[in-house]
Protein backbone atom coordinates (compact mmCIF):
# COMPACT_ATOMS: atom_id res chain seq x y z
CA MET A 1 7.87 21.33 14.46
CA ALA A 2 5.81 18.23 14.30
CA GLY A 3 5.76 15.86 17.26
CA ALA A 4 7.65 12.47 17.15
CA ASN A 5 4.45 10.52 16.14
CA VAL A 6 3.55 12.92 13.31
CA LYS A 7 4.90 11.70 9.94
CA THR A 8 5.84 14.10 7.15
CA PHE A 9 4.30 13.11 3.83
CA THR A 10 5.62 14.33 0.44
CA THR A 11 4.92 13.78 -3.19
CA GLU A 12 7.65 11.16 -3.17
CA ASN A 13 6.34 9.12 -0.17
CA PHE A 14 2.56 9.72 -0.31
CA GLU A 15 1.81 6.48 -2.25
CA SER A 16 3.92 4.10 -0.13
CA ASP A 17 3.17 5.80 3.33
CA VAL A 18 -0.44 6.80 2.81
CA LEU A 19 -2.13 5.05 -0.06
CA LYS A 20 -0.41 1.72 0.49
CA SER A 21 -0.68 1.89 4.34
CA GLU A 22 -2.16 -1.13 6.15
CA GLN A 23 -3.84 1.11 8.66
CA ALA A 24 -6.03 4.24 8.29
CA VAL A 25 -4.01 7.42 7.80
CA LEU A 26 -4.96 10.97 8.89
CA VAL A 27 -3.44 13.59 6.61
CA ASP A 28 -3.21 17.22 7.66
CA PHE A 29 -2.94 19.31 4.49
CA TRP A 30 -1.36 22.55 5.82
CA ALA A 31 1.09 25.52 5.13
CA PRO A 32 3.38 27.44 7.39
CA TRP A 33 1.52 30.79 6.69
CA CYS A 34 -2.08 29.48 7.54
CA SER A 35 -3.20 30.64 11.00
CA PRO A 36 -5.94 28.05 11.38
CA CYS A 37 -3.34 25.37 10.33
CA ARG A 38 -1.16 26.49 13.18
CA MET A 39 -4.30 26.30 15.62
CA VAL A 40 -4.88 22.64 14.49
CA ALA A 41 -1.30 21.51 14.78
CA PRO A 42 -1.22 20.92 18.54
CA ILE A 43 -4.40 18.85 18.30
CA VAL A 44 -2.96 16.73 15.34
CA GLU A 45 0.19 16.22 17.54
CA GLU A 46 -1.99 15.00 20.58
CA LEU A 47 -3.99 12.68 18.32
CA ALA A 48 -0.84 11.23 16.83
CA ASP A 49 0.30 10.36 20.40
CA GLU A 50 -3.13 9.11 21.32
CA TYR A 51 -3.64 6.96 18.33
CA VAL A 52 -0.09 5.50 17.78
CA GLY A 53 -0.27 2.04 16.46
CA ARG A 54 -3.88 2.39 15.50
CA ILE A 55 -4.06 5.23 12.91
CA ALA A 56 -1.01 6.76 11.26
CA ILE A 57 -1.01 10.51 11.41
CA GLY A 58 0.99 12.99 9.27
CA LYS A 59 1.16 16.34 7.48
CA VAL A 60 1.54 17.51 3.89
CA ASN A 61 2.91 21.02 3.27
CA VAL A 62 0.70 22.02 0.33
CA ASP A 63 3.26 24.63 -0.77
CA GLU A 64 6.06 22.12 -1.07
CA ASN A 65 3.80 19.15 -2.32
CA GLY A 66 1.23 20.83 -4.60
CA PRO A 67 0.56 17.72 -6.78
CA VAL A 68 -0.70 15.81 -3.83
CA ALA A 69 -2.97 18.48 -2.78
CA SER A 70 -4.26 19.06 -6.17
CA GLN A 71 -4.86 15.36 -6.73
CA TYR A 72 -7.16 15.21 -3.71
CA GLY A 73 -8.92 18.54 -4.49
CA VAL A 74 -7.56 20.32 -1.57
CA MET A 75 -8.76 23.91 -2.22
CA SER A 76 -8.75 25.30 1.40
CA ILE A 77 -6.60 24.58 4.25
CA PRO A 78 -6.43 23.08 6.79
CA THR A 79 -8.05 20.01 5.17
CA LEU A 80 -7.82 16.88 7.18
CA GLY A 81 -8.45 13.65 5.36
CA ILE A 82 -8.60 10.07 6.27
CA PHE A 83 -7.20 7.62 3.76
CA LYS A 84 -7.98 3.92 3.85
CA GLY A 85 -7.54 1.41 1.28
CA GLY A 86 -5.72 3.84 -0.99
CA LYS A 87 -8.73 6.30 -0.98
CA MET A 88 -9.70 9.34 0.95
CA VAL A 89 -12.81 8.23 2.92
CA ASP A 90 -13.48 11.18 4.95
CA LYS A 91 -12.41 14.82 5.36
CA ILE A 92 -12.88 17.98 7.42
CA VAL A 93 -12.21 21.27 5.83
CA GLY A 94 -11.31 24.26 8.11
CA PHE A 95 -10.40 24.40 11.78
CA ARG A 96 -12.27 21.91 14.05
CA GLY A 97 -11.81 21.06 17.58
CA LYS A 98 -10.43 17.79 18.91
CA PRO A 99 -13.96 16.28 19.55
CA ASP A 100 -14.65 16.40 15.84
CA LEU A 101 -11.36 14.86 14.85
CA VAL A 102 -11.62 12.16 17.59
CA LYS A 103 -15.22 11.23 16.04
CA MET A 104 -13.73 11.20 12.63
CA LEU A 105 -10.79 8.94 13.73
CA ASN A 106 -12.91 6.63 15.86
CA ALA A 107 -15.17 5.99 12.82
CA GLN A 108 -12.16 4.41 11.10
CA LEU A 109 -11.22 1.88 13.93
């Protein structure tokens, strides 16, 4: 289960909550059956708490929201993308540790 500061993005709310967001948004494209996704989940939750108010952080279940994943060329999961101004401006594919994600987030502040 996602932490309190981790949003759930869907095909229905992706445009309003991610693309039209005033702040940068980290999107974790994941699936429940993906072991590396489960490994990165606690890191994403920590970051959501640490960056609250500065960068929005949420998850897209690719099994339930395939059109969003397809639109952004997500072929492997986990894929973590940063969206700013309605566009994906950076992404990491595969499991990475917290230092790599912090570096990616700090580049958007």
